[in-house]
Amino acid sequence: MPELIKLYIRSVAIGFGIAAGFVALLLWTNTMGLQELVLGSSGGALALFMLWFMNGIVFAGVQFAYKIMSMAERPEGPRRGTPVMDLTKPVRIKAVAKKREPAPRRF
């Protein structure tokens, strides 16, 4: 089996494991009454499975992306690119105060 496929399978397994821990933590802390909702309804098992599965997809994708991006080689020497301009210097603007007209009187 190719190394990339092995890496993907490992990342998915780790992501779904993290999702199982995350869902267990959500139920244990009873966040927003989730534990009572899952255990008290007839479709609680389906809701628990969907919560774990959807979080597993997200965590597996993040885990795989992290592994792939961490495989990049570091460049030798200084990095090239557009220089950053220093735009934090204050600019003096002349302020002129207008003479105010008195408000009209109402009788």
Protein backbone atom coordinates (compact mmCIF):
# COMPACT_ATOMS: atom_id res chain seq x y z
CA MET A 1 0.00 0.00 0.00
CA PRO A 2 1.39 3.48 -0.85
CA GLU A 3 2.73 5.59 2.00
CA LEU A 4 0.26 8.39 1.31
CA ILE A 5 -2.69 6.03 1.75
CA LYS A 6 -1.22 4.75 5.02
CA LEU A 7 -0.77 8.32 6.19
CA TYR A 8 -4.38 9.13 5.28
CA ILE A 9 -5.75 6.10 7.12
CA ARG A 10 -3.69 6.93 10.23
CA SER A 11 -4.87 10.54 10.11
CA VAL A 12 -8.51 9.50 9.78
CA ALA A 13 -8.18 7.06 12.69
CA ILE A 14 -6.58 9.74 14.87
CA GLY A 15 -9.22 12.30 13.82
CA PHE A 16 -12.12 10.00 14.64
CA GLY A 17 -10.47 9.11 17.95
CA ILE A 18 -10.20 12.79 18.83
CA ALA A 19 -13.84 13.23 17.80
CA ALA A 20 -14.88 10.38 20.12
CA GLY A 21 -13.06 12.08 22.99
CA PHE A 22 -14.62 15.42 22.09
CA VAL A 23 -18.16 14.00 21.99
CA ALA A 24 -17.55 12.13 25.27
CA LEU A 25 -16.38 15.42 26.83
CA LEU A 26 -19.49 17.19 25.51
CA LEU A 27 -21.75 14.56 27.03
CA TRP A 28 -19.80 14.35 30.30
CA THR A 29 -19.97 18.11 30.89
CA ASN A 30 -23.62 18.19 29.75
CA THR A 31 -22.96 21.18 27.51
CA MET A 32 -26.22 22.99 26.73
CA GLY A 33 -28.16 20.00 28.13
CA LEU A 34 -26.84 17.69 25.40
CA GLN A 35 -26.50 14.66 27.68
CA GLU A 36 -30.12 14.90 28.80
CA LEU A 37 -31.25 15.40 25.23
CA VAL A 38 -29.35 12.39 23.85
CA LEU A 39 -30.20 10.04 26.72
CA GLY A 40 -33.80 11.18 27.05
CA SER A 41 -34.99 10.84 23.46
CA SER A 42 -35.75 7.81 21.33
CA GLY A 43 -33.41 8.96 18.54
CA GLY A 44 -30.53 9.62 20.91
CA ALA A 45 -28.31 6.90 19.49
CA LEU A 46 -28.66 8.28 15.98
CA ALA A 47 -27.95 11.80 17.23
CA LEU A 48 -24.88 10.54 19.09
CA PHE A 49 -23.62 8.71 15.99
CA MET A 50 -24.16 11.74 13.75
CA LEU A 51 -22.45 14.05 16.24
CA TRP A 52 -19.43 11.73 16.39
CA PHE A 53 -19.35 11.13 12.64
CA MET A 54 -19.61 14.78 11.60
CA ASN A 55 -16.99 15.86 14.12
CA GLY A 56 -14.85 12.93 12.99
CA ILE A 57 -14.92 14.16 9.40
CA VAL A 58 -13.78 17.62 10.49
CA PHE A 59 -11.07 16.42 12.86
CA ALA A 60 -9.79 13.85 10.35
CA GLY A 61 -9.51 16.51 7.66
CA VAL A 62 -7.65 18.85 9.99
CA GLN A 63 -5.34 16.04 11.12
CA PHE A 64 -4.51 15.04 7.54
CA ALA A 65 -3.96 18.65 6.46
CA TYR A 66 -1.63 19.23 9.42
CA LYS A 67 0.39 16.11 8.59
CA ILE A 68 0.70 17.03 4.90
CA MET A 69 1.66 20.65 5.59
CA SER A 70 4.23 19.64 8.20
CA MET A 71 6.01 17.52 5.56
CA ALA A 72 7.15 20.63 3.64
CA GLU A 73 10.87 21.26 3.45
CA ARG A 74 12.27 24.39 5.02
CA PRO A 75 13.86 26.78 2.51
CA GLU A 76 17.62 27.39 2.71
CA GLY A 77 18.77 30.94 3.30
CA PRO A 78 16.64 34.06 3.60
CA ARG A 79 13.09 34.00 2.33
CA ARG A 80 12.35 36.21 -0.63
CA GLY A 81 9.15 38.13 -1.14
CA THR A 82 7.57 41.52 -1.13
CA PRO A 83 9.05 43.77 1.56
CA VAL A 84 6.63 44.95 4.19
CA MET A 85 6.10 48.71 4.37
CA ASP A 86 6.05 50.45 7.73
CA LEU A 87 2.67 52.19 7.75
CA THR A 88 2.63 52.90 11.47
CA LYS A 89 4.30 56.33 11.35
CA PRO A 90 1.98 59.18 12.36
CA VAL A 91 1.11 61.82 9.79
CA ARG A 92 0.58 65.41 10.97
CA ILE A 93 -2.64 66.96 9.65
CA LYS A 94 -3.45 70.63 10.12
CA ALA A 95 -6.77 71.05 11.87
CA VAL A 96 -8.75 74.23 11.31
CA ALA A 97 -11.63 75.06 13.63
CA LYS A 98 -14.66 76.74 12.05
CA LYS A 99 -16.35 79.57 13.82
CA ARG A 100 -19.73 78.36 15.06
CA GLU A 101 -22.90 80.32 14.44
CA PRO A 102 -25.17 80.72 17.47
CA ALA A 103 -28.27 78.55 17.39
CA PRO A 104 -31.46 80.38 16.38
CA ARG A 105 -33.74 81.28 19.26
CA ARG A 106 -37.19 79.83 19.41
CA PHE A 107 -39.97 81.74 21.12
